[in-house]
Protein backbone atom coordinates (compact mmCIF):
# COMPACT_ATOMS: atom_id res chain seq x y z
CA MET A 1 -2.01 42.66 17.78
CA ALA A 2 -2.76 43.40 21.21
CA SER A 3 -2.37 40.49 23.83
CA PRO A 4 -5.98 39.82 25.71
CA PRO A 5 -6.06 41.23 29.49
CA TRP A 6 -5.38 37.58 31.05
CA LEU A 7 -2.07 37.03 29.02
CA ARG A 8 -1.05 40.65 30.07
CA ASN A 9 -1.91 39.94 33.97
CA LEU A 10 -0.09 36.55 33.42
CA SER A 11 3.05 37.83 32.02
CA GLN A 12 2.90 40.38 35.24
CA ALA A 13 2.57 37.93 37.67
CA PHE A 14 5.31 36.00 36.11
CA LYS A 15 7.37 39.00 35.97
CA ALA A 16 6.74 39.72 39.72
CA HIS A 17 7.73 35.86 40.69
CA ARG A 18 10.90 36.51 38.92
CA LEU A 19 11.67 40.26 40.98
CA GLY A 20 11.92 41.39 37.46
CA ARG A 21 14.86 39.62 35.65
CA PRO A 22 14.50 39.92 32.57
CA GLY A 23 14.98 38.04 29.23
CA TRP A 24 11.87 35.40 30.24
CA TYR A 25 8.20 35.81 28.51
CA VAL A 26 4.83 34.20 28.09
CA GLU A 27 3.79 33.76 24.69
CA LEU A 28 0.94 32.60 23.04
CA ASN A 29 1.68 30.27 20.03
CA ARG A 30 -1.30 29.26 18.25
CA ASP A 31 -3.41 27.17 20.64
CA ARG A 32 -0.40 26.90 23.29
CA LEU A 33 0.93 28.58 25.89
CA ARG A 34 5.03 28.46 26.16
CA VAL A 35 7.50 30.05 27.97
CA VAL A 36 10.02 31.69 26.03
CA SER A 37 13.72 32.38 27.35
CA ALA A 38 17.77 32.26 26.38
CA GLU A 39 18.42 30.89 29.82
CA LEU A 40 16.60 27.42 29.15
CA PRO A 41 19.42 24.78 28.83
CA LEU A 42 20.66 23.24 25.77
CA ARG A 43 18.77 20.59 24.36
CA PRO A 44 20.34 17.16 23.79
CA GLY A 45 22.64 17.21 20.71
CA GLU A 46 22.38 20.67 20.79
CA PRO A 47 26.34 22.34 20.49
CA PRO A 48 27.58 24.47 22.85
CA ASP A 49 28.03 27.45 20.76
CA GLN A 50 24.19 27.58 20.72
CA ALA A 51 23.74 28.48 24.60
CA HIS A 52 22.62 31.83 24.10
CA LYS A 53 19.77 31.14 21.55
CA ARG A 54 16.08 31.72 22.67
CA ARG A 55 14.42 28.24 23.63
CA ALA A 56 10.52 27.53 24.11
CA VAL A 57 8.96 25.44 26.38
CA SER A 58 5.01 24.63 26.03
CA LEU A 59 2.97 24.87 29.12
CA SER A 60 0.42 21.78 29.85
CA ALA A 61 -2.26 24.16 30.76
CA PRO A 62 -4.37 25.44 27.58
CA PRO A 63 -4.34 29.60 27.17
CA GLY A 64 -7.45 30.92 28.41
CA PRO A 65 -8.64 33.33 31.76
CA ALA A 66 -9.81 30.22 33.59
CA THR A 67 -6.48 28.67 33.21
CA ALA A 68 -4.48 31.28 33.92
CA ALA A 69 -3.76 30.93 37.52
CA GLN A 70 -2.21 27.09 36.51
CA ALA A 71 -0.20 28.59 33.65
CA LEU A 72 1.45 30.85 36.09
CA SER A 73 1.75 28.11 38.62
CA ASP A 74 3.71 26.07 35.77
CA ALA A 75 5.59 28.98 34.66
CA CYS A 76 6.78 29.65 37.90
CA THR A 77 7.71 26.06 38.58
CA LEU A 78 9.54 26.15 35.40
CA PHE A 79 11.66 29.35 36.37
CA ASP A 80 12.27 28.19 39.81
CA ALA A 81 14.25 24.81 38.66
CA VAL A 82 15.85 26.40 35.50
CA MET A 83 17.34 28.70 38.44
CA ALA A 84 18.17 25.87 40.54
CA GLY A 85 19.82 23.88 37.76
CA THR A 86 17.72 20.96 37.91
CA TRP A 87 15.29 21.24 35.01
CA GLN A 88 15.92 19.07 32.05
CA TRP A 89 14.11 18.84 28.83
CA PRO A 90 11.59 16.12 28.74
CA ASP A 91 12.18 12.70 27.16
CA PRO A 92 10.65 12.89 23.73
CA ALA A 93 9.94 9.10 23.77
CA ALA A 94 8.38 9.12 27.20
CA ALA A 95 4.59 9.10 27.60
CA PRO A 96 3.02 12.50 27.88
CA SER A 97 1.30 13.63 31.36
CA GLY A 98 -1.98 13.12 31.81
CA ASP A 99 -2.14 16.79 31.91
CA ASP A 100 -1.03 17.23 28.41
CA PRO A 101 -4.19 17.84 26.12
CA SER A 102 -2.20 15.69 23.48
CA HIS A 103 -1.77 12.87 25.40
CA LEU A 104 -4.38 10.61 23.87
CA GLN A 105 -3.30 11.00 20.15
CA PRO A 106 -3.05 7.74 18.53
CA ASP A 107 0.63 7.86 18.53
CA HIS A 108 1.55 8.29 22.25
CA LEU A 109 -1.02 5.19 22.76
CA ASN A 110 0.73 3.41 19.97
CA ARG A 111 4.20 3.64 22.23
CA LEU A 112 2.40 3.09 25.10
CA THR A 113 1.37 0.24 23.88
CA GLU A 114 4.19 -0.95 23.08
CA GLN A 115 6.03 -0.05 26.06
CA LEU A 116 3.42 -2.04 28.23
CA ARG A 117 3.82 -5.15 25.50
CA VAL A 118 7.71 -5.07 26.42
CA CYS A 119 6.60 -4.91 30.33
CA LEU A 120 4.37 -7.97 30.20
CA VAL A 121 5.65 -10.37 27.28
CA GLY A 122 7.94 -12.83 28.90
CA GLU A 123 7.34 -11.82 32.22
CA ARG A 124 3.70 -12.77 32.87
CA MET A 125 2.41 -14.10 29.66
CA THR A 126 3.86 -15.36 26.09
CA THR A 127 3.63 -13.60 22.73
CA ARG A 128 0.67 -15.48 21.76
CA THR A 129 -1.48 -14.46 24.79
CA TRP A 130 -0.81 -10.97 23.93
CA GLU A 131 -1.39 -11.18 20.68
CA ARG A 132 -4.82 -13.02 21.01
CA THR A 133 -6.19 -11.29 24.34
CA TRP A 134 -4.37 -7.94 24.55
CA ALA A 135 -3.58 -6.93 21.60
CA PRO A 136 -6.91 -6.56 19.75
CA PHE A 137 -8.20 -4.63 22.36
CA LEU A 138 -5.40 -1.98 22.90
CA GLN A 139 -5.50 -1.53 18.86
CA ARG A 140 -9.44 -0.57 19.15
CA LEU A 141 -8.79 2.00 21.76
CA VAL A 142 -6.11 3.30 19.37
CA ALA A 143 -8.53 3.67 16.96
CA SER A 144 -11.41 5.02 19.19
CA ALA A 145 -8.47 7.48 20.02
CA ALA A 146 -8.31 8.59 15.96
CA ASP A 147 -12.05 8.23 15.32
CA HIS A 148 -12.60 10.90 18.49
CA HIS A 149 -10.29 13.69 18.64
CA THR A 150 -10.56 14.37 22.60
CA GLY A 151 -8.36 15.66 25.41
CA ASP A 152 -10.93 14.06 27.90
CA ASP A 153 -9.81 10.77 29.23
CA ALA A 154 -13.64 9.81 30.27
CA THR A 155 -14.84 10.49 27.23
CA LEU A 156 -12.66 8.50 24.99
CA LEU A 157 -12.84 5.73 27.35
CA ALA A 158 -16.84 5.78 27.31
CA GLU A 159 -16.62 5.94 23.55
CA TYR A 160 -14.33 2.75 23.45
CA LEU A 161 -15.99 0.56 25.96
CA ARG A 162 -19.09 1.01 24.46
CA ARG A 163 -18.01 -1.08 21.00
CA TRP A 164 -18.74 -4.14 23.35
CA GLU A 165 -22.18 -4.77 24.53
CA ALA A 166 -22.91 -3.99 28.54
CA ASN A 167 -21.83 -7.11 31.23
CA THR A 168 -20.09 -9.55 28.87
CA ARG A 169 -16.96 -10.68 29.40
CA SER A 170 -15.59 -8.63 26.52
CA ARG A 171 -16.34 -5.76 27.86
CA GLN A 172 -14.77 -6.47 31.17
CA MET A 173 -11.66 -7.28 29.28
CA ALA A 174 -11.47 -4.22 27.10
CA TYR A 175 -11.90 -2.50 30.43
CA ASP A 176 -8.61 -3.94 32.01
CA ARG A 177 -6.70 -3.88 29.44
CA ALA A 178 -7.48 -0.09 28.81
CA ARG A 179 -6.82 0.32 32.98
CA SER A 180 -3.45 -1.28 32.63
CA LEU A 181 -2.34 1.03 29.85
CA TRP A 182 -3.15 3.86 32.41
CA ARG A 183 -1.34 2.52 34.86
CA GLU A 184 2.09 1.90 32.62
CA ALA A 185 1.69 5.74 31.85
CA ALA A 186 0.79 6.88 35.50
CA TRP A 187 -1.98 8.65 34.20
CA SER A 188 -5.18 9.49 36.71
CA TRP A 189 -8.14 6.77 35.94
CA PRO A 190 -11.54 8.31 35.82
CA GLY A 191 -13.77 6.86 38.20
CA GLU A 192 -16.80 7.62 36.30
CA VAL A 193 -16.17 4.85 33.44
CA ALA A 194 -15.97 2.32 36.64
CA GLN A 195 -19.74 1.58 35.95
CA LEU A 196 -19.28 0.58 32.49
CA ARG A 197 -16.89 -2.38 33.27
CA GLY A 198 -20.23 -3.89 34.00
CA ASN A 199 -20.87 -7.69 35.69
CA GLY A 200 -19.94 -10.87 33.80
CA LYS A 201 -22.11 -12.35 35.96
CA ALA A 202 -25.28 -10.68 34.81
CA ALA A 203 -24.57 -12.46 31.52
CA ALA A 204 -23.98 -15.93 32.64
CA ASP A 205 -26.27 -19.08 32.14
CA PRO A 206 -28.30 -18.78 35.59
CA GLU A 207 -28.01 -22.76 35.54
CA GLY A 208 -24.22 -22.08 35.63
CA VAL A 209 -21.69 -24.87 34.24
CA ARG A 210 -22.59 -28.08 33.85
CA ALA A 211 -20.37 -31.10 34.61
CA PHE A 212 -19.44 -34.38 33.06
CA SER A 213 -21.35 -37.18 34.12
CA ASP A 214 -19.65 -40.46 35.05
CA GLN A 215 -21.05 -41.84 31.76
CA GLU A 216 -19.61 -39.17 29.78
CA ILE A 217 -16.18 -39.18 31.61
CA GLN A 218 -15.87 -42.66 30.78
CA LEU A 219 -16.98 -42.42 27.07
CA LEU A 220 -13.90 -39.46 26.41
CA ARG A 221 -11.70 -42.08 28.15
CA GLU A 222 -12.58 -44.64 25.73
CA ARG A 223 -12.62 -42.08 22.87
CA ILE A 224 -8.95 -41.15 24.14
CA GLU A 225 -7.91 -45.08 23.98
CA LYS A 226 -9.06 -45.43 20.34
CA SER A 227 -7.71 -42.58 19.04
CA ALA A 228 -4.56 -42.80 16.92
CA ARG A 229 -3.48 -39.52 17.64
CA LEU A 230 -3.02 -39.65 21.34
CA GLY A 231 -1.42 -42.08 23.71
CA PRO A 232 -1.03 -43.77 27.00
CA SER A 233 0.47 -40.17 28.42
CA ASP A 234 -2.85 -38.48 26.93
CA SER A 235 -4.94 -40.89 28.68
CA LEU A 236 -2.90 -40.20 32.17
CA ALA A 237 -3.45 -36.69 31.70
CA TRP A 238 -7.27 -37.08 31.59
CA ASP A 239 -7.17 -39.44 34.87
CA CYS A 240 -5.36 -36.35 36.83
CA LEU A 241 -8.10 -33.80 35.28
CA VAL A 242 -10.82 -36.23 36.53
CA ALA A 243 -9.59 -37.78 39.61
CA PHE A 244 -7.99 -34.59 41.13
CA GLY A 245 -9.83 -31.78 39.66
CA LEU A 246 -6.72 -30.56 37.93
CA ARG A 247 -7.02 -27.70 35.17
CA PRO A 248 -5.22 -28.65 31.98
CA GLN A 249 -2.56 -25.72 32.85
CA GLU A 250 -1.40 -27.44 36.26
CA LEU A 251 -0.43 -30.66 34.53
CA VAL A 252 2.75 -28.81 32.93
CA GLY A 253 5.78 -29.89 35.08
CA LEU A 254 3.75 -32.69 36.80
CA GLU A 255 5.49 -36.15 37.25
CA ILE A 256 3.50 -39.61 38.25
CA ARG A 257 5.33 -41.61 40.36
CA TRP A 258 4.65 -44.80 42.28
CA PRO A 259 4.98 -44.82 46.21
CA TRP A 260 8.75 -46.12 45.84
CA GLY A 261 9.46 -43.38 43.58
CA ARG A 262 9.69 -44.92 40.13
CA PRO A 263 7.81 -43.17 37.31
CA CYS A 264 4.63 -44.66 36.34
CA SER A 265 4.27 -45.56 32.93
CA GLY A 266 1.12 -44.34 30.83
CA GLY A 267 -2.08 -45.50 31.75
CA HIS A 268 -1.27 -47.22 34.78
CA PRO A 269 -3.59 -46.30 37.75
CA LEU A 270 -2.53 -43.07 39.66
CA LYS A 271 -1.28 -43.80 42.98
CA THR A 272 0.59 -40.49 44.07
CA LEU A 273 1.43 -36.99 42.27
CA GLN A 274 4.72 -35.29 42.60
CA GLN A 275 5.50 -32.05 41.00
CA ARG A 276 8.84 -31.86 39.32
CA ARG A 277 11.51 -31.10 41.64
CA HIS A 278 9.72 -31.95 44.77
CA THR A 279 8.79 -34.85 47.17
CA ALA A 280 5.70 -33.83 48.37
CA ALA A 281 3.40 -36.81 47.24
CA ALA A 282 -0.46 -37.04 47.15
CA GLY A 283 -2.23 -39.45 49.91
CA ALA A 284 -4.73 -42.03 49.79
CA GLY A 285 -7.10 -39.92 50.68
CA ARG A 286 -6.88 -37.31 48.36
CA ALA A 287 -7.03 -39.45 45.77
CA ALA A 288 -10.17 -41.50 46.59
CA GLY A 289 -11.86 -38.04 47.27
């Protein structure tokens, strides 16, 4: 079967770049273009006696006249690197480049998800946080890739994000998780999907969040004191939240002390706050506020 004209022109241009050096070919193999040569280095693990075996490297550019210029550039870059002794076989466990038509396959996305998990868990979050607020979103992304076989990032991301209602916090979280995955893979993020992130404030209650009244605050404290499961330390924690506007997470590592340095027992009036391993104490003016 005769080669198409664009492939013959591509081969001639590649030969001209090599200055006629023989033993290098650009071939069309099914739906991929590849460079074939016995001068390509040994693959990792190959025995030395296979040094003169013909090997093939697939190009990222898809076949066709519209992409022939990109294919020629990739083939020439490959040839120059092999001649300079700097070219190496790609790591099969590494994420494919964003130009690879197969980079959105579910297997690749699963490996990237695991790579991102290793980077985040233990450094920026706990395993529980990952399993509750990250893994479900990325699993939906992999499912979208399995349902819609596409090599276009914007198309896949649009299908994935539309699984959630617009202008919701869930849509925003899905967007942010996917963007973190793209950043981990060093893929270009398509700007056209930015509008799909939405604005969570559009779905928020226009009256905002209602604060507890003084009567409700006192009622909740009385319920803590009457509880059989809660003790004085829980009452003290509640007083910290109310008096200083702290968030529950900010109580971790805090130690309550009297001005003379002795720790307060649970339930005593708050005089100062001292963070563990620090000596800075809150003044009476802050307590009054």
